[in-house]
Amino acid sequence: MQILSEAGLPIVGEAFAPELEPLADANPNGFYESEHRYGVVGEADALRGQVLKMFAPGLLEVDEDELERVLFCLRPWRAHVASTTAFEVLEAEALGEEIPQSMPPALEWWFENYCLLGDFAERDYPMMMVAYDLVLEKPLETIQRALVFLDQDEGLAEHAVQVVDPSLRHADASTEVEVDLPDEVLATFDAFYDRVRNRDAFDDAFVDRLSATHEAVMPLIEPHLE
């Protein structure tokens, strides 16, 4: 969102909404979130042509006719686990109480991303997937590709790339985290991310592997869905 804002695209939301200001240490340059982060609030037509940050559960609730383009940035699952764990600590300190999470972060990473992938396969809206690592390792090339997908001038990337700051990354795919899941499940998590990172096709055999992994972890996820 910081990159797209720097490129001059119209952003819905501000760097720090009032409720997120106490959590600035987690992202000192801003979250750029809004009331729409878990689904469109009000009339979608008022949002057309603007950049809106939305989490996967919210995206699943939006009518495909209202989705102009979806830019899906995927982090490694270990980074998600580390980030979520650290964020929970900041949130508890800021609010003065612990907020129980809906499910363990590794399962959350899988469930939300798998559901989003299935939703895209079913509804076929325009979507570009990009691995977070590439934003840091090949920022100019990645930003240019995103701007072209968004039907914007790729020349804007020359300016937008200035806000990319790898020092703000607190975790990556090599970060050690404690997760109580079978090795073969975690291997599929890694393979999912690697396919996106390397821009490899999701062939039938790999889709079958994803489906089998989902069936294996659903008994662990279902108790948290209530």
Protein backbone atom coordinates (compact mmCIF):
# COMPACT_ATOMS: atom_id res chain seq x y z
CA MET A 1 0.00 0.00 0.00
CA GLN A 2 2.91 2.36 0.72
CA ILE A 3 4.31 1.62 -2.74
CA LEU A 4 1.03 2.21 -4.54
CA SER A 5 0.47 5.41 -2.58
CA GLU A 6 3.94 6.64 -3.54
CA ALA A 7 3.12 5.83 -7.16
CA GLY A 8 0.28 8.34 -6.93
CA LEU A 9 -2.65 5.92 -7.00
CA PRO A 10 -5.76 6.98 -5.07
CA ILE A 11 -5.76 5.14 -1.74
CA VAL A 12 -8.79 4.32 0.42
CA GLY A 13 -7.79 4.77 4.05
CA GLU A 14 -5.01 6.61 5.83
CA ALA A 15 -1.60 5.49 6.98
CA PHE A 16 -2.80 5.10 10.56
CA ALA A 17 -6.47 4.82 11.38
CA PRO A 18 -7.09 5.95 14.99
CA GLU A 19 -7.41 2.38 16.27
CA LEU A 20 -4.04 1.41 14.71
CA GLU A 21 -1.91 4.29 16.01
CA PRO A 22 -0.88 2.38 19.17
CA LEU A 23 0.46 -0.38 16.90
CA ALA A 24 2.74 1.87 14.84
CA ASP A 25 5.84 -0.03 16.01
CA ALA A 26 4.64 -3.00 13.93
CA ASN A 27 4.64 -0.91 10.75
CA PRO A 28 6.11 2.59 11.23
CA ASN A 29 5.29 3.71 7.67
CA GLY A 30 1.61 2.94 7.91
CA PHE A 31 -0.98 0.21 7.38
CA TYR A 32 -3.29 2.07 4.97
CA GLU A 33 -6.29 0.14 6.19
CA SER A 34 -9.90 1.27 6.25
CA GLU A 35 -13.33 0.16 7.39
CA HIS A 36 -13.45 -2.01 4.26
CA ARG A 37 -10.60 -4.34 5.23
CA TYR A 38 -13.00 -7.21 6.03
CA GLY A 39 -15.48 -6.48 3.27
CA VAL A 40 -17.03 -3.54 1.46
CA VAL A 41 -19.01 -1.27 3.74
CA GLY A 42 -21.76 0.63 1.89
CA GLU A 43 -21.93 0.97 -1.88
CA ALA A 44 -19.06 -0.54 -3.86
CA ASP A 45 -19.52 1.94 -6.73
CA ALA A 46 -18.10 4.69 -4.50
CA LEU A 47 -14.81 2.79 -4.36
CA ARG A 48 -14.29 2.21 -8.07
CA GLY A 49 -10.90 3.17 -9.44
CA GLN A 50 -9.32 3.34 -5.99
CA VAL A 51 -6.83 1.11 -4.20
CA LEU A 52 -8.32 -0.72 -1.25
CA LYS A 53 -6.47 -2.97 1.19
CA MET A 54 -8.53 -6.00 2.10
CA PHE A 55 -7.78 -9.22 3.93
CA ALA A 56 -8.69 -12.55 2.34
CA PRO A 57 -11.90 -13.18 4.33
CA GLY A 58 -13.25 -9.82 3.20
CA LEU A 59 -12.37 -10.43 -0.42
CA LEU A 60 -14.37 -13.65 -0.42
CA GLU A 61 -17.47 -11.63 0.48
CA VAL A 62 -17.19 -9.16 -2.41
CA ASP A 63 -19.22 -9.72 -5.58
CA GLU A 64 -16.86 -10.58 -8.44
CA ASP A 65 -18.48 -7.89 -10.58
CA GLU A 66 -17.19 -5.35 -8.07
CA LEU A 67 -13.59 -6.60 -8.18
CA GLU A 68 -11.78 -4.57 -10.81
CA ARG A 69 -8.34 -6.11 -10.13
CA VAL A 70 -6.90 -8.05 -7.21
CA LEU A 71 -3.22 -7.74 -6.33
CA PHE A 72 -2.50 -10.62 -3.95
CA CYS A 73 0.74 -10.31 -1.97
CA LEU A 74 1.74 -13.55 -0.26
CA ARG A 75 4.18 -13.81 2.65
CA PRO A 76 6.00 -17.01 3.66
CA TRP A 77 4.05 -18.90 6.31
CA ARG A 78 6.91 -18.65 8.82
CA ALA A 79 6.97 -14.88 8.42
CA HIS A 80 3.22 -14.79 8.99
CA VAL A 81 3.54 -16.84 12.18
CA ALA A 82 6.36 -14.66 13.54
CA SER A 83 4.64 -11.43 12.56
CA THR A 84 1.28 -12.44 13.98
CA THR A 85 2.84 -13.56 17.25
CA ALA A 86 4.72 -10.27 17.62
CA PHE A 87 1.64 -8.27 16.66
CA GLU A 88 -0.42 -10.00 19.35
CA VAL A 89 2.08 -8.81 21.98
CA LEU A 90 1.90 -5.22 20.71
CA GLU A 91 -1.87 -5.37 20.57
CA ALA A 92 -2.13 -6.66 24.14
CA GLU A 93 0.18 -3.90 25.39
CA ALA A 94 -1.73 -1.21 23.51
CA LEU A 95 -5.19 -2.38 24.60
CA GLY A 96 -4.28 -3.53 28.07
CA GLU A 97 -5.72 -6.99 27.45
CA GLU A 98 -5.03 -10.03 25.32
CA ILE A 99 -7.29 -10.59 22.32
CA PRO A 100 -7.69 -14.31 21.53
CA GLN A 101 -6.88 -15.13 17.92
CA SER A 102 -9.36 -17.04 15.78
CA MET A 103 -6.92 -19.89 15.07
CA PRO A 104 -3.18 -20.66 15.28
CA PRO A 105 -1.35 -18.43 12.77
CA ALA A 106 0.10 -21.25 10.64
CA LEU A 107 -3.38 -22.70 10.13
CA GLU A 108 -4.75 -19.22 9.52
CA TRP A 109 -2.12 -18.65 6.82
CA TRP A 110 -3.09 -21.86 5.08
CA PHE A 111 -6.85 -21.56 5.44
CA GLU A 112 -7.13 -17.98 4.20
CA ASN A 113 -4.75 -18.43 1.26
CA TYR A 114 -6.19 -21.77 0.20
CA CYS A 115 -9.72 -20.38 0.34
CA LEU A 116 -8.66 -17.34 -1.67
CA LEU A 117 -7.03 -19.53 -4.30
CA GLY A 118 -10.18 -21.65 -4.54
CA ASP A 119 -12.34 -18.53 -4.75
CA PHE A 120 -10.23 -17.21 -7.62
CA ALA A 121 -10.42 -20.56 -9.43
CA GLU A 122 -14.20 -20.57 -9.10
CA ARG A 123 -15.00 -16.93 -9.88
CA ASP A 124 -12.08 -16.09 -12.22
CA TYR A 125 -11.65 -12.38 -11.45
CA PRO A 126 -8.46 -10.61 -12.57
CA MET A 127 -5.77 -11.44 -10.01
CA MET A 128 -1.99 -11.09 -9.88
CA MET A 129 -0.13 -13.06 -7.22
CA VAL A 130 3.23 -11.79 -6.01
CA ALA A 131 5.57 -13.15 -3.34
CA TYR A 132 6.54 -10.62 -0.68
CA ASP A 133 10.22 -11.59 -1.04
CA LEU A 134 10.23 -10.32 -4.63
CA VAL A 135 9.02 -6.91 -3.51
CA LEU A 136 12.25 -6.63 -1.50
CA GLU A 137 14.65 -8.54 -3.76
CA LYS A 138 13.48 -7.23 -7.15
CA PRO A 139 11.52 -4.12 -6.21
CA LEU A 140 11.64 -2.20 -9.49
CA GLU A 141 10.76 -5.19 -11.68
CA THR A 142 7.99 -6.31 -9.31
CA ILE A 143 6.47 -2.84 -8.99
CA GLN A 144 6.54 -2.36 -12.76
CA ARG A 145 4.72 -5.67 -13.24
CA ALA A 146 2.11 -4.68 -10.67
CA LEU A 147 1.53 -1.27 -12.22
CA VAL A 148 1.08 -2.79 -15.67
CA PHE A 149 -1.45 -5.24 -14.20
CA LEU A 150 -3.27 -2.30 -12.58
CA ASP A 151 -3.34 -0.52 -15.96
CA GLN A 152 -1.02 2.23 -14.71
CA ASP A 153 2.14 3.80 -16.14
CA GLU A 154 5.03 1.48 -15.25
CA GLY A 155 7.29 4.52 -15.26
CA LEU A 156 5.77 5.41 -11.87
CA ALA A 157 7.81 2.54 -10.43
CA GLU A 158 11.00 4.63 -10.62
CA HIS A 159 9.61 6.90 -7.91
CA ALA A 160 7.58 4.33 -5.94
CA VAL A 161 10.57 2.04 -5.46
CA GLN A 162 12.08 4.61 -3.09
CA VAL A 163 9.78 3.55 -0.26
CA VAL A 164 10.89 -0.11 -0.32
CA ASP A 165 12.88 -0.63 2.88
CA PRO A 166 14.08 -4.23 3.50
CA SER A 167 15.21 -3.27 7.00
CA LEU A 168 11.57 -3.15 8.08
CA ARG A 169 11.16 -6.88 7.46
CA HIS A 170 11.21 -8.66 10.81
CA ALA A 171 10.80 -12.25 9.56
CA ASP A 172 11.25 -14.26 6.38
CA ALA A 173 11.03 -17.80 5.03
CA SER A 174 14.06 -18.88 7.11
CA THR A 175 12.74 -17.59 10.44
CA GLU A 176 12.46 -20.36 13.04
CA VAL A 177 9.01 -20.72 14.56
CA GLU A 178 7.36 -23.41 16.65
CA VAL A 179 4.53 -25.12 14.81
CA ASP A 180 2.90 -28.42 15.69
CA LEU A 181 2.11 -29.68 12.21
CA PRO A 182 3.44 -32.69 10.24
CA ASP A 183 6.54 -32.15 8.11
CA GLU A 184 4.70 -33.12 4.93
CA VAL A 185 2.08 -30.44 5.58
CA LEU A 186 4.72 -27.78 6.15
CA ALA A 187 6.52 -28.93 2.99
CA THR A 188 3.34 -28.19 1.03
CA PHE A 189 3.10 -24.78 2.70
CA ASP A 190 6.64 -24.08 1.47
CA ALA A 191 5.89 -25.44 -2.00
CA PHE A 192 2.80 -23.22 -2.27
CA TYR A 193 4.86 -20.13 -1.51
CA ASP A 194 7.71 -21.20 -3.80
CA ARG A 195 5.33 -21.65 -6.73
CA VAL A 196 4.12 -18.08 -6.30
CA ARG A 197 7.64 -16.76 -5.75
CA ASN A 198 9.01 -18.49 -8.85
CA ARG A 199 5.85 -17.79 -10.87
CA ASP A 200 5.48 -21.49 -11.62
CA ALA A 201 2.22 -22.97 -12.86
CA PHE A 202 -0.21 -24.70 -10.53
CA ASP A 203 -0.49 -27.90 -12.56
CA ASP A 204 -3.07 -30.62 -11.86
CA ALA A 205 -0.69 -32.70 -9.75
CA PHE A 206 0.13 -29.73 -7.54
CA VAL A 207 -3.52 -28.76 -7.19
CA ASP A 208 -4.23 -32.33 -6.07
CA ARG A 209 -1.43 -31.98 -3.50
CA LEU A 210 -2.96 -28.76 -2.19
CA SER A 211 -6.37 -30.42 -1.91
CA ALA A 212 -4.94 -33.39 -0.03
CA THR A 213 -3.12 -31.09 2.38
CA HIS A 214 -6.29 -29.10 2.96
CA GLU A 215 -8.21 -32.27 3.80
CA ALA A 216 -5.45 -33.24 6.22
CA VAL A 217 -5.50 -29.95 8.16
CA MET A 218 -9.25 -29.25 8.12
CA PRO A 219 -9.90 -31.34 11.26
CA LEU A 220 -7.47 -28.98 13.04
CA ILE A 221 -9.10 -25.87 11.56
CA GLU A 222 -12.78 -26.71 12.00
CA PRO A 223 -12.91 -26.22 15.79
CA HIS A 224 -11.72 -22.62 15.31
CA LEU A 225 -14.27 -21.67 12.66
CA GLU A 226 -17.06 -21.13 15.17
